[in-house]
Amino acid sequence: MAIAALFLWMCTAAAGAYLLATSLRTSGSDRAPQTQEADRVPQTAPAGRAAAEPPAAKPVRDRDRFDPASLARAKNESIPGMRALAEFAHPALAIIGLGFWLAYVLTHYRAFAAIGFGVLLGAICAGVSWFAANARAARARKDALSPSPRLLILHAVGAAVTLLIATLIIARV
């Protein structure tokens, strides 16, 4: 059963690697929030029309004017750096957990299984937070998520079944 969990974990990792590769290829569609030229230039209305026009929503400060797109995106995130942290942590934890699970399969030392299970839980939490941050960003841009929904579902189901099998092995059922 441990070998089945290892095989399923590797298949899930392959689907995740494909998702990561395709999201990096289409990340050029991630763009900074659009600012209108009217927001950049302070508006001075004629004396008679000052009360009729609402002020600009949020003028761009002089020091923010030349920010690269990635910095402008990071400044507009609700939790700055969350997407980047989850983008790094999810695959890193998954690979580390896979290594511990492989060590368990080769040695049958239960400590490796417990560590691999704990790291798997961390990888799943990081993956869910990464998905939530990407979905929130896509919703803010009124855009669709770039990866394939079928592949996302396959990856999530593979992770859930891997978690179930690992839980059964840890509980000795």
N, C-alpha and C. Protein backbone atom coordinates (compact mmCIF):
# COMPACT_ATOMS: atom_id res chain seq x y z
N MET A 1 0.82 -1.19 0.00
CA MET A 1 0.00 0.00 0.00
C MET A 1 0.87 1.26 0.00
N ALA A 2 2.03 1.17 0.63
CA ALA A 2 2.93 2.31 0.67
C ALA A 2 3.48 2.62 -0.72
N ILE A 3 3.68 1.55 -1.51
CA ILE A 3 4.17 1.75 -2.87
C ILE A 3 3.08 2.40 -3.73
N ALA A 4 1.84 2.04 -3.49
CA ALA A 4 0.73 2.67 -4.21
C ALA A 4 0.64 4.16 -3.88
N ALA A 5 0.85 4.49 -2.60
CA ALA A 5 0.84 5.90 -2.21
C ALA A 5 1.99 6.64 -2.87
N LEU A 6 3.16 6.01 -2.91
CA LEU A 6 4.32 6.62 -3.56
C LEU A 6 4.05 6.85 -5.05
N PHE A 7 3.49 5.86 -5.72
CA PHE A 7 3.19 5.99 -7.14
C PHE A 7 2.15 7.09 -7.38
N LEU A 8 1.12 7.13 -6.55
CA LEU A 8 0.09 8.16 -6.69
C LEU A 8 0.66 9.55 -6.41
N TRP A 9 1.54 9.63 -5.43
CA TRP A 9 2.19 10.90 -5.10
C TRP A 9 3.03 11.38 -6.28
N MET A 10 3.75 10.45 -6.93
CA MET A 10 4.57 10.84 -8.09
C MET A 10 3.70 11.27 -9.26
N CYS A 11 2.56 10.62 -9.47
CA CYS A 11 1.65 11.03 -10.54
C CYS A 11 1.07 12.41 -10.26
N THR A 12 0.73 12.66 -9.00
CA THR A 12 0.23 13.98 -8.61
C THR A 12 1.31 15.04 -8.80
N ALA A 13 2.55 14.69 -8.47
CA ALA A 13 3.66 15.61 -8.67
C ALA A 13 3.88 15.91 -10.16
N ALA A 14 3.70 14.90 -11.00
CA ALA A 14 3.84 15.12 -12.44
C ALA A 14 2.76 16.07 -12.95
N ALA A 15 1.54 15.87 -12.48
CA ALA A 15 0.46 16.80 -12.88
C ALA A 15 0.75 18.20 -12.37
N GLY A 16 1.27 18.29 -11.14
CA GLY A 16 1.62 19.60 -10.59
C GLY A 16 2.76 20.27 -11.34
N ALA A 17 3.74 19.48 -11.75
CA ALA A 17 4.85 20.03 -12.53
C ALA A 17 4.35 20.56 -13.87
N TYR A 18 3.42 19.83 -14.49
CA TYR A 18 2.84 20.30 -15.75
C TYR A 18 2.06 21.59 -15.53
N LEU A 19 1.30 21.65 -14.43
CA LEU A 19 0.57 22.88 -14.11
C LEU A 19 1.52 24.05 -13.91
N LEU A 20 2.62 23.80 -13.19
CA LEU A 20 3.60 24.85 -12.94
C LEU A 20 4.25 25.32 -14.22
N ALA A 21 4.59 24.38 -15.09
CA ALA A 21 5.23 24.74 -16.36
C ALA A 21 4.29 25.55 -17.25
N THR A 22 3.03 25.14 -17.31
CA THR A 22 2.10 25.89 -18.15
C THR A 22 1.73 27.23 -17.54
N SER A 23 1.72 27.33 -16.21
CA SER A 23 1.40 28.63 -15.61
C SER A 23 2.56 29.59 -15.76
N LEU A 24 3.80 29.08 -15.76
CA LEU A 24 4.94 29.95 -15.99
C LEU A 24 4.98 30.44 -17.43
N ARG A 25 4.54 29.57 -18.35
CA ARG A 25 4.52 29.96 -19.75
C ARG A 25 3.47 31.03 -20.01
N THR A 26 2.34 30.96 -19.32
CA THR A 26 1.27 31.93 -19.53
C THR A 26 1.29 33.04 -18.51
N SER A 27 2.38 33.15 -17.70
CA SER A 27 2.40 34.20 -16.68
C SER A 27 2.58 35.58 -17.29
N GLY A 28 2.86 35.67 -18.58
CA GLY A 28 2.91 36.97 -19.22
C GLY A 28 1.56 37.65 -19.22
N SER A 29 0.50 36.86 -19.00
CA SER A 29 -0.83 37.46 -18.92
C SER A 29 -1.06 38.12 -17.58
N ASP A 30 -0.20 37.81 -16.57
CA ASP A 30 -0.28 38.53 -15.30
C ASP A 30 0.24 39.93 -15.54
N ARG A 31 -0.60 40.85 -15.38
CA ARG A 31 -0.17 42.21 -15.63
C ARG A 31 -0.57 43.07 -14.45
N ALA A 32 0.07 44.21 -14.36
CA ALA A 32 -0.21 45.13 -13.27
C ALA A 32 -1.59 45.73 -13.47
N PRO A 33 -2.21 46.16 -12.39
CA PRO A 33 -3.51 46.80 -12.54
C PRO A 33 -3.40 48.01 -13.46
N GLN A 34 -4.36 48.16 -14.32
CA GLN A 34 -4.35 49.23 -15.28
C GLN A 34 -4.60 50.56 -14.58
N THR A 35 -3.76 51.53 -14.85
CA THR A 35 -3.98 52.88 -14.34
C THR A 35 -4.21 53.77 -15.53
N GLN A 36 -5.19 54.57 -15.43
CA GLN A 36 -5.50 55.46 -16.53
C GLN A 36 -4.60 56.68 -16.49
N GLU A 37 -4.40 57.26 -17.61
CA GLU A 37 -3.58 58.46 -17.70
C GLU A 37 -4.20 59.59 -16.88
N ALA A 38 -5.53 59.59 -16.78
CA ALA A 38 -6.19 60.64 -16.00
C ALA A 38 -5.85 60.52 -14.52
N ASP A 39 -5.55 59.32 -14.06
CA ASP A 39 -5.17 59.15 -12.66
C ASP A 39 -3.75 59.62 -12.39
N ARG A 40 -2.93 59.62 -13.40
CA ARG A 40 -1.54 60.01 -13.20
C ARG A 40 -1.37 61.53 -13.14
N VAL A 41 -2.18 62.24 -13.85
CA VAL A 41 -2.06 63.68 -13.89
C VAL A 41 -3.09 64.28 -12.95
N PRO A 42 -2.66 65.14 -12.00
CA PRO A 42 -3.65 65.76 -11.12
C PRO A 42 -4.62 66.61 -11.94
N GLN A 43 -5.88 66.45 -11.63
CA GLN A 43 -6.90 67.15 -12.41
C GLN A 43 -7.23 68.48 -11.76
N THR A 44 -7.25 69.48 -12.60
CA THR A 44 -7.69 70.80 -12.15
C THR A 44 -8.92 71.14 -12.95
N ALA A 45 -10.03 71.20 -12.28
CA ALA A 45 -11.29 71.46 -12.97
C ALA A 45 -11.55 72.96 -13.02
N PRO A 46 -12.32 73.40 -14.01
CA PRO A 46 -12.70 74.80 -14.04
C PRO A 46 -13.51 75.14 -12.79
N ALA A 47 -13.53 76.41 -12.45
CA ALA A 47 -14.16 76.85 -11.20
C ALA A 47 -15.63 76.47 -11.13
N GLY A 48 -16.36 76.52 -12.22
CA GLY A 48 -17.79 76.24 -12.21
C GLY A 48 -18.11 74.76 -12.15
N ARG A 49 -17.18 73.89 -12.52
CA ARG A 49 -17.46 72.46 -12.58
C ARG A 49 -16.77 71.68 -11.47
N ALA A 50 -16.20 72.32 -10.48
CA ALA A 50 -15.44 71.64 -9.45
C ALA A 50 -16.31 70.70 -8.63
N ALA A 51 -17.53 71.07 -8.33
CA ALA A 51 -18.39 70.23 -7.50
C ALA A 51 -19.07 69.13 -8.31
N ALA A 52 -19.16 69.27 -9.62
CA ALA A 52 -19.89 68.31 -10.45
C ALA A 52 -19.10 67.03 -10.70
N GLU A 53 -17.78 67.08 -10.78
CA GLU A 53 -16.97 65.92 -11.10
C GLU A 53 -16.37 65.32 -9.83
N PRO A 54 -16.47 64.00 -9.69
CA PRO A 54 -15.83 63.38 -8.53
C PRO A 54 -14.31 63.38 -8.71
N PRO A 55 -13.57 63.39 -7.62
CA PRO A 55 -12.11 63.37 -7.75
C PRO A 55 -11.64 62.01 -8.25
N ALA A 56 -10.41 61.94 -8.71
CA ALA A 56 -9.85 60.67 -9.20
C ALA A 56 -9.79 59.68 -8.04
N ALA A 57 -9.97 58.41 -8.37
CA ALA A 57 -10.07 57.38 -7.34
C ALA A 57 -8.82 57.31 -6.48
N LYS A 58 -7.67 57.09 -7.07
CA LYS A 58 -6.43 57.00 -6.31
C LYS A 58 -5.29 57.46 -7.22
N PRO A 59 -4.82 58.68 -7.05
CA PRO A 59 -3.76 59.13 -7.93
C PRO A 59 -2.46 58.37 -7.65
N VAL A 60 -1.68 58.18 -8.69
CA VAL A 60 -0.41 57.48 -8.57
C VAL A 60 0.62 58.46 -8.04
N ARG A 61 1.29 58.06 -6.97
CA ARG A 61 2.33 58.93 -6.39
C ARG A 61 3.53 58.97 -7.31
N ASP A 62 4.33 60.02 -7.19
CA ASP A 62 5.49 60.17 -8.06
C ASP A 62 6.47 59.02 -7.91
N ARG A 63 6.66 58.54 -6.70
CA ARG A 63 7.63 57.46 -6.52
C ARG A 63 7.10 56.11 -7.00
N ASP A 64 5.78 55.97 -7.17
CA ASP A 64 5.20 54.72 -7.66
C ASP A 64 5.08 54.69 -9.18
N ARG A 65 5.33 55.78 -9.83
CA ARG A 65 5.10 55.89 -11.26
C ARG A 65 5.95 54.94 -12.08
N PHE A 66 7.18 54.69 -11.65
CA PHE A 66 8.11 53.89 -12.45
C PHE A 66 8.31 52.48 -11.89
N ASP A 67 7.37 52.01 -11.07
CA ASP A 67 7.46 50.67 -10.52
C ASP A 67 7.26 49.64 -11.64
N PRO A 68 8.07 48.56 -11.63
CA PRO A 68 7.82 47.50 -12.61
C PRO A 68 6.50 46.80 -12.31
N ALA A 69 6.01 46.06 -13.27
CA ALA A 69 4.70 45.42 -13.15
C ALA A 69 4.64 44.47 -11.96
N SER A 70 5.73 43.74 -11.69
CA SER A 70 5.71 42.79 -10.57
C SER A 70 5.60 43.52 -9.23
N LEU A 71 6.24 44.67 -9.10
CA LEU A 71 6.15 45.43 -7.85
C LEU A 71 4.78 46.06 -7.70
N ALA A 72 4.21 46.54 -8.78
CA ALA A 72 2.85 47.09 -8.71
C ALA A 72 1.85 46.02 -8.33
N ARG A 73 2.04 44.79 -8.85
CA ARG A 73 1.17 43.67 -8.47
C ARG A 73 1.31 43.34 -7.00
N ALA A 74 2.57 43.33 -6.53
CA ALA A 74 2.81 42.99 -5.13
C ALA A 74 2.23 44.04 -4.19
N LYS A 75 2.25 45.30 -4.60
CA LYS A 75 1.68 46.35 -3.75
C LYS A 75 0.17 46.26 -3.66
N ASN A 76 -0.46 45.67 -4.67
CA ASN A 76 -1.92 45.58 -4.68
C ASN A 76 -2.44 44.27 -4.09
N GLU A 77 -1.57 43.37 -3.66
CA GLU A 77 -2.01 42.13 -3.04
C GLU A 77 -2.49 42.40 -1.62
N SER A 78 -3.47 41.60 -1.18
CA SER A 78 -3.96 41.78 0.19
C SER A 78 -2.91 41.36 1.21
N ILE A 79 -2.20 40.28 0.95
CA ILE A 79 -1.08 39.85 1.79
C ILE A 79 0.14 39.82 0.88
N PRO A 80 0.98 40.86 0.92
CA PRO A 80 2.11 40.92 0.00
C PRO A 80 3.04 39.73 0.16
N GLY A 81 3.42 39.14 -0.94
CA GLY A 81 4.33 38.02 -0.95
C GLY A 81 3.68 36.66 -0.74
N MET A 82 2.38 36.62 -0.53
CA MET A 82 1.70 35.36 -0.25
C MET A 82 1.77 34.41 -1.45
N ARG A 83 1.51 34.94 -2.63
CA ARG A 83 1.54 34.08 -3.82
C ARG A 83 2.95 33.56 -4.08
N ALA A 84 3.94 34.41 -3.92
CA ALA A 84 5.31 33.97 -4.16
C ALA A 84 5.76 32.94 -3.13
N LEU A 85 5.37 33.14 -1.87
CA LEU A 85 5.72 32.17 -0.83
C LEU A 85 5.05 30.82 -1.10
N ALA A 86 3.77 30.84 -1.42
CA ALA A 86 3.06 29.58 -1.68
C ALA A 86 3.57 28.93 -2.96
N GLU A 87 3.94 29.73 -3.94
CA GLU A 87 4.46 29.19 -5.20
C GLU A 87 5.78 28.46 -4.98
N PHE A 88 6.56 28.92 -4.01
CA PHE A 88 7.80 28.23 -3.67
C PHE A 88 7.56 27.07 -2.72
N ALA A 89 6.74 27.30 -1.68
CA ALA A 89 6.59 26.33 -0.61
C ALA A 89 5.86 25.06 -1.05
N HIS A 90 4.86 25.19 -1.90
CA HIS A 90 4.07 24.02 -2.29
C HIS A 90 4.92 22.96 -3.00
N PRO A 91 5.64 23.30 -4.07
CA PRO A 91 6.45 22.26 -4.71
C PRO A 91 7.63 21.81 -3.83
N ALA A 92 8.21 22.74 -3.07
CA ALA A 92 9.34 22.37 -2.22
C ALA A 92 8.91 21.38 -1.15
N LEU A 93 7.80 21.65 -0.48
CA LEU A 93 7.31 20.72 0.53
C LEU A 93 6.90 19.39 -0.08
N ALA A 94 6.31 19.43 -1.25
CA ALA A 94 5.90 18.18 -1.90
C ALA A 94 7.11 17.32 -2.23
N ILE A 95 8.17 17.91 -2.70
CA ILE A 95 9.38 17.14 -3.02
C ILE A 95 10.03 16.59 -1.76
N ILE A 96 10.08 17.40 -0.70
CA ILE A 96 10.66 16.94 0.56
C ILE A 96 9.83 15.79 1.14
N GLY A 97 8.51 15.96 1.12
CA GLY A 97 7.64 14.89 1.62
C GLY A 97 7.77 13.62 0.81
N LEU A 98 7.89 13.77 -0.51
CA LEU A 98 8.07 12.61 -1.38
C LEU A 98 9.37 11.88 -1.04
N GLY A 99 10.40 12.63 -0.72
CA GLY A 99 11.67 12.02 -0.33
C GLY A 99 11.54 11.23 0.97
N PHE A 100 10.84 11.79 1.95
CA PHE A 100 10.63 11.06 3.20
C PHE A 100 9.76 9.82 2.98
N TRP A 101 8.76 9.95 2.12
CA TRP A 101 7.91 8.78 1.87
C TRP A 101 8.69 7.69 1.12
N LEU A 102 9.55 8.09 0.22
CA LEU A 102 10.41 7.12 -0.47
C LEU A 102 11.32 6.43 0.54
N ALA A 103 11.86 7.19 1.49
CA ALA A 103 12.70 6.59 2.54
C ALA A 103 11.88 5.59 3.36
N TYR A 104 10.60 5.91 3.61
CA TYR A 104 9.75 4.97 4.33
C TYR A 104 9.52 3.70 3.52
N VAL A 105 9.27 3.85 2.24
CA VAL A 105 9.02 2.68 1.39
C VAL A 105 10.26 1.79 1.35
N LEU A 106 11.44 2.37 1.32
CA LEU A 106 12.67 1.59 1.24
C LEU A 106 13.06 0.95 2.57
N THR A 107 12.79 1.63 3.70
CA THR A 107 13.27 1.14 4.99
C THR A 107 12.17 0.63 5.92
N HIS A 108 10.93 1.01 5.68
CA HIS A 108 9.79 0.69 6.55
C HIS A 108 9.98 1.20 7.98
N TYR A 109 10.74 2.29 8.12
CA TYR A 109 10.92 2.94 9.41
C TYR A 109 9.78 3.95 9.56
N ARG A 110 8.94 3.77 10.57
CA ARG A 110 7.69 4.53 10.71
C ARG A 110 7.92 6.02 10.92
N ALA A 111 9.06 6.41 11.41
CA ALA A 111 9.32 7.85 11.60
C ALA A 111 9.36 8.56 10.25
N PHE A 112 9.90 7.92 9.25
CA PHE A 112 9.91 8.51 7.91
C PHE A 112 8.49 8.71 7.39
N ALA A 113 7.61 7.74 7.66
CA ALA A 113 6.22 7.87 7.22
C ALA A 113 5.53 9.02 7.94
N ALA A 114 5.79 9.16 9.23
CA ALA A 114 5.15 10.24 9.99
C ALA A 114 5.65 11.61 9.52
N ILE A 115 6.95 11.72 9.27
CA ILE A 115 7.49 12.99 8.78
C ILE A 115 6.95 13.29 7.38
N GLY A 116 6.93 12.28 6.53
CA GLY A 116 6.39 12.47 5.18
C GLY A 116 4.93 12.88 5.21
N PHE A 117 4.15 12.28 6.12
CA PHE A 117 2.74 12.64 6.27
C PHE A 117 2.59 14.10 6.71
N GLY A 118 3.40 14.52 7.68
CA GLY A 118 3.34 15.91 8.15
C GLY A 118 3.72 16.90 7.06
N VAL A 119 4.74 16.57 6.31
CA VAL A 119 5.16 17.45 5.21
C VAL A 119 4.10 17.48 4.12
N LEU A 120 3.44 16.33 3.89
CA LEU A 120 2.34 16.28 2.92
C LEU A 120 1.21 17.23 3.33
N LEU A 121 0.88 17.25 4.61
CA LEU A 121 -0.15 18.18 5.09
C LEU A 121 0.25 19.63 4.85
N GLY A 122 1.52 19.94 5.11
CA GLY A 122 2.01 21.29 4.84
C GLY A 122 1.96 21.64 3.37
N ALA A 123 2.32 20.69 2.51
CA ALA A 123 2.28 20.93 1.07
C ALA A 123 0.85 21.16 0.59
N ILE A 124 -0.09 20.40 1.14
CA ILE A 124 -1.49 20.58 0.75
C ILE A 124 -1.99 21.96 1.20
N CYS A 125 -1.64 22.37 2.41
CA CYS A 125 -2.04 23.70 2.89
C CYS A 125 -1.44 24.81 2.02
N ALA A 126 -0.18 24.66 1.66
CA ALA A 126 0.46 25.65 0.79
C ALA A 126 -0.19 25.67 -0.59
N GLY A 127 -0.56 24.50 -1.10
CA GLY A 127 -1.22 24.43 -2.41
C GLY A 127 -2.59 25.07 -2.40
N VAL A 128 -3.35 24.84 -1.33
CA VAL A 128 -4.68 25.45 -1.22
C VAL A 128 -4.57 26.96 -1.11
N SER A 129 -3.59 27.45 -0.33
CA SER A 129 -3.43 28.90 -0.21
C SER A 129 -2.93 29.51 -1.52
N TRP A 130 -2.10 28.80 -2.26
CA TRP A 130 -1.64 29.28 -3.56
C TRP A 130 -2.82 29.37 -4.53
N PHE A 131 -3.66 28.34 -4.54
CA PHE A 131 -4.84 28.37 -5.40
C PHE A 131 -5.77 29.53 -5.02
N ALA A 132 -5.97 29.73 -3.72
CA ALA A 132 -6.85 30.82 -3.27
C ALA A 132 -6.29 32.18 -3.65
N ALA A 133 -5.00 32.37 -3.52
CA ALA A 133 -4.39 33.65 -3.89
C ALA A 133 -4.49 33.89 -5.38
N ASN A 134 -4.28 32.85 -6.18
CA ASN A 134 -4.40 33.00 -7.64
C ASN A 134 -5.85 33.25 -8.04
N ALA A 135 -6.79 32.57 -7.40
CA ALA A 135 -8.20 32.79 -7.72
C ALA A 135 -8.63 34.20 -7.34
N ARG A 136 -8.15 34.70 -6.21
CA ARG A 136 -8.48 36.06 -5.79
C ARG A 136 -7.90 37.09 -6.77
N ALA A 137 -6.68 36.84 -7.21
CA ALA A 137 -6.06 37.76 -8.18
C ALA A 137 -6.78 37.72 -9.51
N ALA A 138 -7.20 36.53 -9.95
CA ALA A 138 -7.93 36.42 -11.21
C ALA A 138 -9.29 37.09 -11.11
N ARG A 139 -9.92 36.96 -9.95
CA ARG A 139 -11.22 37.60 -9.76
C ARG A 139 -11.07 39.12 -9.73
N ALA A 140 -9.98 39.62 -9.15
CA ALA A 140 -9.74 41.07 -9.12
C ALA A 140 -9.49 41.62 -10.52
N ARG A 141 -8.85 40.80 -11.38
CA ARG A 141 -8.60 41.23 -12.76
C ARG A 141 -9.78 40.93 -13.66
N LYS A 142 -10.81 40.28 -13.11
CA LYS A 142 -11.96 39.84 -13.91
C LYS A 142 -11.48 38.97 -15.06
N ASP A 143 -10.63 38.03 -14.70
CA ASP A 143 -9.98 37.15 -15.66
C ASP A 143 -10.27 35.71 -15.26
N ALA A 144 -10.07 34.79 -16.16
CA ALA A 144 -10.22 33.37 -15.84
C ALA A 144 -8.87 32.85 -15.36
N LEU A 145 -8.91 31.81 -14.55
CA LEU A 145 -7.66 31.18 -14.12
C LEU A 145 -6.97 30.59 -15.34
N SER A 146 -5.64 30.73 -15.42
CA SER A 146 -4.93 30.29 -16.61
C SER A 146 -4.80 28.78 -16.73
N PRO A 147 -4.55 28.01 -15.65
CA PRO A 147 -4.39 26.57 -15.88
C PRO A 147 -5.70 25.87 -16.20
N SER A 148 -5.57 24.68 -16.73
CA SER A 148 -6.72 23.89 -17.11
C SER A 148 -7.49 23.44 -15.86
N PRO A 149 -8.80 23.68 -15.80
CA PRO A 149 -9.56 23.25 -14.62
C PRO A 149 -9.55 21.73 -14.43
N ARG A 150 -9.54 20.98 -15.52
CA ARG A 150 -9.50 19.52 -15.40
C ARG A 150 -8.20 19.05 -14.74
N LEU A 151 -7.11 19.66 -15.14
CA LEU A 151 -5.83 19.29 -14.56
C LEU A 151 -5.73 19.72 -13.10
N LEU A 152 -6.30 20.87 -12.78
CA LEU A 152 -6.35 21.30 -11.38
C LEU A 152 -7.15 20.31 -10.53
N ILE A 153 -8.27 19.86 -11.05
CA ILE A 153 -9.10 18.90 -10.33
C ILE A 153 -8.36 17.57 -10.19
N LEU A 154 -7.69 17.14 -11.25
CA LEU A 154 -6.91 15.90 -11.20
C LEU A 154 -5.81 16.00 -10.15
N HIS A 155 -5.12 17.12 -10.10
CA HIS A 155 -4.07 17.34 -9.12
C HIS A 155 -4.63 17.33 -7.70
N ALA A 156 -5.76 17.99 -7.49
CA ALA A 156 -6.37 18.04 -6.17
C ALA A 156 -6.89 16.67 -5.72
N VAL A 157 -7.50 15.94 -6.63
CA VAL A 157 -8.00 14.60 -6.29
C VAL A 157 -6.83 13.66 -6.01
N GLY A 158 -5.77 13.76 -6.79
CA GLY A 158 -4.58 12.94 -6.54
C GLY A 158 -3.99 13.23 -5.17
N ALA A 159 -3.94 14.51 -4.80
CA ALA A 159 -3.42 14.87 -3.48
C ALA A 159 -4.33 14.35 -2.37
N ALA A 160 -5.64 14.44 -2.58
CA ALA A 160 -6.59 13.97 -1.56
C ALA A 160 -6.50 12.46 -1.37
N VAL A 161 -6.39 11.72 -2.46
CA VAL A 161 -6.30 10.26 -2.36
C VAL A 161 -4.95 9.86 -1.75
N THR A 162 -3.89 10.57 -2.10
CA THR A 162 -2.59 10.32 -1.49
C THR A 162 -2.65 10.56 0.02
N LEU A 163 -3.31 11.64 0.41
CA LEU A 163 -3.48 11.94 1.83
C LEU A 163 -4.29 10.84 2.52
N LEU A 164 -5.32 10.34 1.87
CA LEU A 164 -6.14 9.28 2.45
C LEU A 164 -5.32 8.00 2.64
N ILE A 165 -4.58 7.60 1.63
CA ILE A 165 -3.77 6.38 1.74
C ILE A 165 -2.69 6.54 2.80
N ALA A 166 -2.03 7.73 2.83
CA ALA A 166 -1.00 7.96 3.84
C ALA A 166 -1.60 7.94 5.24
N THR A 167 -2.80 8.48 5.41
CA THR A 167 -3.47 8.45 6.70
C THR A 167 -3.77 7.02 7.13
N LEU A 168 -4.23 6.21 6.20
CA LEU A 168 -4.50 4.81 6.51
C LEU A 168 -3.23 4.05 6.89
N ILE A 169 -2.14 4.38 6.23
CA ILE A 169 -0.86 3.71 6.56
C ILE A 169 -0.37 4.15 7.93
N ILE A 170 -0.45 5.45 8.21
CA ILE A 170 -0.01 5.96 9.50
C ILE A 170 -0.86 5.38 10.64
N ALA A 171 -2.17 5.25 10.40
CA ALA A 171 -3.09 4.72 11.42
C ALA A 171 -3.04 3.19 11.50
N ARG A 172 -2.31 2.57 10.61
CA ARG A 172 -2.14 1.10 10.55
C ARG A 172 -3.48 0.39 10.37
N VAL A 173 -4.25 0.88 9.44
CA VAL A 173 -5.56 0.25 9.16
C VAL A 173 -5.38 -0.83 8.11
